[in-house]
Amino acid sequence: FPVTIITANTTAVAGTNYYLNAAAIKLTLPASPSVGDEVGISEVAGNFNCSIGRNSSNIMGLASDLSLDRAYIAFKLTYVDSTLGWVFS
């Protein structure tokens, strides 16, 4: 996946790794995902207050945004279906 370092709110593109390099960034997931779409996320600035916006799709089956409350966390989200939505992979 290509690497994109972000320092402000951004809407993700499937197939990209995002490195969150500032406080309080909101990375919004793609609006119309397809099964198998993936987005890589890594918090690289030591912040505890970034978030992942669900953009109308569930995240792990929940209709809420994902708060990143751990510095230096890294993970990948994969879109699996309309019920579960984006899941950790």
N, C-alpha and C. Protein backbone atom coordinates (compact mmCIF):
# COMPACT_ATOMS: atom_id res chain seq x y z
N PHE A 1 0.84 -1.19 0.00
CA PHE A 1 0.00 0.00 0.00
C PHE A 1 0.88 1.25 0.00
N PRO A 2 0.43 2.29 -0.69
CA PRO A 2 1.15 3.56 -0.60
C PRO A 2 1.06 4.13 0.81
N VAL A 3 2.03 4.94 1.17
CA VAL A 3 2.10 5.56 2.49
C VAL A 3 1.69 7.02 2.37
N THR A 4 0.78 7.45 3.27
CA THR A 4 0.37 8.85 3.31
C THR A 4 0.47 9.33 4.76
N ILE A 5 1.29 10.34 4.99
CA ILE A 5 1.41 10.95 6.31
C ILE A 5 0.42 12.11 6.36
N ILE A 6 -0.45 12.11 7.39
CA ILE A 6 -1.44 13.19 7.49
C ILE A 6 -1.27 13.97 8.79
N THR A 7 -1.53 15.27 8.69
CA THR A 7 -1.45 16.15 9.86
C THR A 7 -2.75 16.93 10.06
N ALA A 8 -3.78 16.57 9.29
CA ALA A 8 -5.09 17.21 9.40
C ALA A 8 -6.16 16.19 9.04
N ASN A 9 -7.41 16.50 9.33
CA ASN A 9 -8.51 15.59 9.01
C ASN A 9 -8.47 15.22 7.53
N THR A 10 -8.72 13.93 7.25
CA THR A 10 -8.57 13.39 5.90
C THR A 10 -9.62 12.32 5.67
N THR A 11 -10.07 12.19 4.43
CA THR A 11 -10.91 11.06 4.04
C THR A 11 -10.03 10.02 3.37
N ALA A 12 -10.10 8.80 3.87
CA ALA A 12 -9.24 7.72 3.41
C ALA A 12 -9.63 7.23 2.02
N VAL A 13 -8.64 6.69 1.34
CA VAL A 13 -8.82 5.99 0.08
C VAL A 13 -8.41 4.54 0.34
N ALA A 14 -9.24 3.60 -0.08
CA ALA A 14 -8.93 2.18 0.14
C ALA A 14 -7.58 1.85 -0.49
N GLY A 15 -6.84 0.95 0.17
CA GLY A 15 -5.55 0.52 -0.33
C GLY A 15 -4.42 1.45 0.04
N THR A 16 -4.60 2.26 1.08
CA THR A 16 -3.58 3.21 1.51
C THR A 16 -3.28 3.02 2.99
N ASN A 17 -2.02 3.22 3.37
CA ASN A 17 -1.61 3.24 4.78
C ASN A 17 -1.54 4.70 5.21
N TYR A 18 -2.23 5.05 6.29
CA TYR A 18 -2.24 6.41 6.81
C TYR A 18 -1.46 6.48 8.11
N TYR A 19 -0.55 7.43 8.18
CA TYR A 19 0.25 7.67 9.37
C TYR A 19 -0.22 8.99 9.97
N LEU A 20 -0.88 8.92 11.13
CA LEU A 20 -1.45 10.10 11.78
C LEU A 20 -0.36 10.78 12.58
N ASN A 21 0.04 11.99 12.15
CA ASN A 21 1.19 12.66 12.72
C ASN A 21 0.82 14.01 13.32
N ALA A 22 -0.27 14.05 14.09
CA ALA A 22 -0.69 15.26 14.80
C ALA A 22 -1.80 14.86 15.78
N ALA A 23 -2.11 15.76 16.67
CA ALA A 23 -3.16 15.52 17.66
C ALA A 23 -4.54 15.76 17.06
N ALA A 24 -5.52 15.01 17.56
CA ALA A 24 -6.94 15.19 17.26
C ALA A 24 -7.30 15.06 15.78
N ILE A 25 -6.58 14.23 15.05
CA ILE A 25 -6.89 13.98 13.64
C ILE A 25 -8.08 13.03 13.55
N LYS A 26 -8.97 13.30 12.59
CA LYS A 26 -10.05 12.37 12.27
C LYS A 26 -9.81 11.85 10.86
N LEU A 27 -9.58 10.54 10.76
CA LEU A 27 -9.46 9.89 9.46
C LEU A 27 -10.81 9.27 9.16
N THR A 28 -11.48 9.74 8.11
CA THR A 28 -12.80 9.24 7.75
C THR A 28 -12.65 8.14 6.71
N LEU A 29 -13.31 7.01 6.96
CA LEU A 29 -13.22 5.86 6.06
C LEU A 29 -13.94 6.16 4.74
N PRO A 30 -13.60 5.44 3.67
CA PRO A 30 -14.24 5.66 2.36
C PRO A 30 -15.76 5.54 2.44
N ALA A 31 -16.47 6.34 1.64
CA ALA A 31 -17.93 6.42 1.69
C ALA A 31 -18.64 5.20 1.11
N SER A 32 -18.14 4.63 0.06
CA SER A 32 -18.81 3.49 -0.60
C SER A 32 -17.84 2.33 -0.73
N PRO A 33 -17.51 1.67 0.39
CA PRO A 33 -16.51 0.61 0.33
C PRO A 33 -17.03 -0.64 -0.37
N SER A 34 -16.11 -1.39 -0.93
CA SER A 34 -16.40 -2.70 -1.52
C SER A 34 -15.82 -3.77 -0.63
N VAL A 35 -16.41 -4.95 -0.63
CA VAL A 35 -15.90 -6.07 0.16
C VAL A 35 -14.43 -6.29 -0.20
N GLY A 36 -13.60 -6.36 0.84
CA GLY A 36 -12.17 -6.57 0.65
C GLY A 36 -11.34 -5.30 0.66
N ASP A 37 -11.98 -4.12 0.64
CA ASP A 37 -11.22 -2.87 0.74
C ASP A 37 -10.48 -2.84 2.08
N GLU A 38 -9.27 -2.30 2.06
CA GLU A 38 -8.46 -2.22 3.28
C GLU A 38 -7.89 -0.82 3.44
N VAL A 39 -7.73 -0.41 4.70
CA VAL A 39 -7.10 0.85 5.05
C VAL A 39 -6.17 0.57 6.22
N GLY A 40 -4.91 0.95 6.09
CA GLY A 40 -3.93 0.81 7.17
C GLY A 40 -3.86 2.10 7.97
N ILE A 41 -3.72 1.97 9.29
CA ILE A 41 -3.71 3.14 10.18
C ILE A 41 -2.60 2.97 11.20
N SER A 42 -1.82 4.03 11.37
CA SER A 42 -0.77 4.02 12.38
C SER A 42 -0.68 5.41 13.00
N GLU A 43 -0.78 5.48 14.32
CA GLU A 43 -0.66 6.75 15.04
C GLU A 43 0.80 6.90 15.41
N VAL A 44 1.50 7.88 14.83
CA VAL A 44 2.96 7.96 14.97
C VAL A 44 3.45 9.14 15.82
N ALA A 45 2.52 9.95 16.35
CA ALA A 45 2.94 11.15 17.06
C ALA A 45 2.76 11.07 18.57
N GLY A 46 2.35 9.92 19.09
CA GLY A 46 2.18 9.76 20.53
C GLY A 46 0.93 10.41 21.09
N ASN A 47 -0.11 10.52 20.27
CA ASN A 47 -1.36 11.15 20.70
C ASN A 47 -2.40 10.12 21.11
N PHE A 48 -3.31 10.54 21.98
CA PHE A 48 -4.36 9.68 22.51
C PHE A 48 -5.76 10.14 22.08
N ASN A 49 -5.85 11.08 21.14
CA ASN A 49 -7.15 11.69 20.86
C ASN A 49 -7.49 11.74 19.37
N CYS A 50 -7.00 10.82 18.58
CA CYS A 50 -7.38 10.74 17.17
C CYS A 50 -8.59 9.82 17.03
N SER A 51 -9.24 9.88 15.86
CA SER A 51 -10.42 9.03 15.67
C SER A 51 -10.55 8.59 14.22
N ILE A 52 -11.33 7.53 14.04
CA ILE A 52 -11.65 7.00 12.73
C ILE A 52 -13.14 7.19 12.51
N GLY A 53 -13.51 7.97 11.50
CA GLY A 53 -14.91 8.23 11.18
C GLY A 53 -15.47 7.11 10.32
N ARG A 54 -16.64 6.62 10.66
CA ARG A 54 -17.20 5.44 9.99
C ARG A 54 -17.81 5.75 8.65
N ASN A 55 -18.19 7.01 8.39
CA ASN A 55 -18.73 7.43 7.09
C ASN A 55 -19.91 6.57 6.65
N SER A 56 -20.85 6.35 7.54
CA SER A 56 -22.10 5.59 7.31
C SER A 56 -21.96 4.07 7.32
N SER A 57 -20.76 3.55 7.38
CA SER A 57 -20.56 2.09 7.49
C SER A 57 -20.25 1.75 8.94
N ASN A 58 -20.65 0.58 9.38
CA ASN A 58 -20.32 0.14 10.73
C ASN A 58 -18.81 -0.11 10.86
N ILE A 59 -18.36 -0.06 12.10
CA ILE A 59 -17.00 -0.50 12.44
C ILE A 59 -17.17 -1.58 13.49
N MET A 60 -16.76 -2.80 13.18
CA MET A 60 -16.92 -3.95 14.06
C MET A 60 -18.39 -4.14 14.47
N GLY A 61 -19.31 -3.87 13.53
CA GLY A 61 -20.72 -4.06 13.78
C GLY A 61 -21.40 -2.93 14.53
N LEU A 62 -20.66 -1.88 14.87
CA LEU A 62 -21.22 -0.77 15.65
C LEU A 62 -21.37 0.47 14.78
N ALA A 63 -22.45 1.18 14.97
CA ALA A 63 -22.71 2.41 14.22
C ALA A 63 -22.14 3.60 14.98
N SER A 64 -20.83 3.57 15.22
CA SER A 64 -20.17 4.69 15.89
C SER A 64 -18.74 4.80 15.41
N ASP A 65 -18.19 6.01 15.53
CA ASP A 65 -16.80 6.23 15.16
C ASP A 65 -15.89 5.49 16.14
N LEU A 66 -14.66 5.30 15.73
CA LEU A 66 -13.67 4.60 16.54
C LEU A 66 -12.71 5.62 17.15
N SER A 67 -12.63 5.67 18.47
CA SER A 67 -11.69 6.56 19.16
C SER A 67 -10.37 5.83 19.37
N LEU A 68 -9.28 6.50 19.02
CA LEU A 68 -7.96 5.92 19.25
C LEU A 68 -7.43 6.49 20.56
N ASP A 69 -7.45 5.67 21.59
CA ASP A 69 -7.03 6.13 22.90
C ASP A 69 -5.70 5.52 23.32
N ARG A 70 -4.92 5.10 22.35
CA ARG A 70 -3.61 4.52 22.62
C ARG A 70 -2.60 5.12 21.64
N ALA A 71 -1.54 5.68 22.18
CA ALA A 71 -0.48 6.24 21.33
C ALA A 71 0.25 5.11 20.60
N TYR A 72 0.70 5.41 19.42
CA TYR A 72 1.53 4.51 18.60
C TYR A 72 0.82 3.22 18.19
N ILE A 73 -0.49 3.22 18.19
CA ILE A 73 -1.23 2.04 17.77
C ILE A 73 -1.17 1.91 16.24
N ALA A 74 -1.11 0.69 15.77
CA ALA A 74 -1.10 0.42 14.32
C ALA A 74 -1.99 -0.78 14.05
N PHE A 75 -2.83 -0.66 13.01
CA PHE A 75 -3.73 -1.75 12.66
C PHE A 75 -4.24 -1.55 11.24
N LYS A 76 -4.96 -2.53 10.75
CA LYS A 76 -5.57 -2.46 9.43
C LYS A 76 -7.06 -2.74 9.57
N LEU A 77 -7.88 -2.03 8.82
CA LEU A 77 -9.31 -2.28 8.76
C LEU A 77 -9.65 -2.83 7.38
N THR A 78 -10.50 -3.86 7.36
CA THR A 78 -10.97 -4.46 6.11
C THR A 78 -12.49 -4.41 6.10
N TYR A 79 -13.06 -4.00 4.97
CA TYR A 79 -14.51 -3.96 4.84
C TYR A 79 -15.00 -5.35 4.45
N VAL A 80 -15.92 -5.93 5.27
CA VAL A 80 -16.38 -7.29 5.02
C VAL A 80 -17.83 -7.40 4.55
N ASP A 81 -18.71 -6.56 5.08
CA ASP A 81 -20.12 -6.57 4.63
C ASP A 81 -20.85 -5.41 5.29
N SER A 82 -22.13 -5.24 4.95
CA SER A 82 -22.87 -4.11 5.48
C SER A 82 -23.25 -4.26 6.96
N THR A 83 -23.24 -5.46 7.49
CA THR A 83 -23.57 -5.68 8.90
C THR A 83 -22.38 -5.40 9.80
N LEU A 84 -21.27 -6.07 9.57
CA LEU A 84 -20.06 -5.84 10.36
C LEU A 84 -19.35 -4.57 9.92
N GLY A 85 -19.40 -4.28 8.64
CA GLY A 85 -18.71 -3.11 8.11
C GLY A 85 -17.22 -3.32 8.08
N TRP A 86 -16.49 -2.37 8.65
CA TRP A 86 -15.02 -2.43 8.73
C TRP A 86 -14.62 -3.23 9.97
N VAL A 87 -13.71 -4.18 9.80
CA VAL A 87 -13.25 -4.99 10.94
C VAL A 87 -11.73 -4.97 11.02
N PHE A 88 -11.22 -5.21 12.21
CA PHE A 88 -9.77 -5.31 12.39
C PHE A 88 -9.25 -6.55 11.68
N SER A 89 -8.14 -6.39 11.00
CA SER A 89 -7.56 -7.55 10.31
C SER A 89 -6.06 -7.56 10.44
